[in-house]
């Protein structure tokens, strides 16, 4: 989120204020707690140091994640969103699949429909574990680098979507993914020119730090969507 410290409750509130129909929460399992944080190390976005998973929950909660914000839990993020947008949960660390599935099972009791939640990851074994435990959960397969047979893997997994970097988008891959019944989402698309270019490639949606730019594109006739 370009307007507030990333992955903080402030950033989620700002995204909702700007009208984003979907937000992303990066998740690690820390001492059985689902914590929302992007990097594997603390230095870039907090006043802490070292690897996130080398610290316990209490220490991580004591850190300043920017503007006095704390590293939130996944529960706090969903309380903040409060059914006002969809949520893409990206599994970042090991051992996240089962606790996230259990968390989603609880969310259903509070009105969260399965079409409002997407679970994605570069860690494809974690996605396979999610699919094994609860086939109802929508999955997004994240692609690192040049996509090879990732669309085929995603289709075999029964995934909803495949996600790839702006650097590696090719029309041939987009068409192949669509042929396999997958949606294609591209990260991270902040430049209005790139938003238009991705629409030209036929992608279904983009990840962005500036949701107002995508909304402005849609207002001027653009059809590109969101996750």
Foldseek 3Di string as FASTA:
>chain_A
DVPFQPQFLVLLLVCVVLPDQEEEFEWDQAPNFTWGDDDQFDPPQWPDTDGPNVDHPVVQQPIQRGPNTGTDTPVVSCVSCVPSHAYEYEYDDPPPQVSVLVVVVVVVVVPDDLVSYEYEYCPVVSVLVNCVVDVSHAYEYEDDDADDCSLVVCLVSVHAAYEYELVHDDLVVCVVSVVSVHAYEYPDDEDLVSVVVVVVSVHQEYHYSDVNSVVVCVVVPRDRDHD
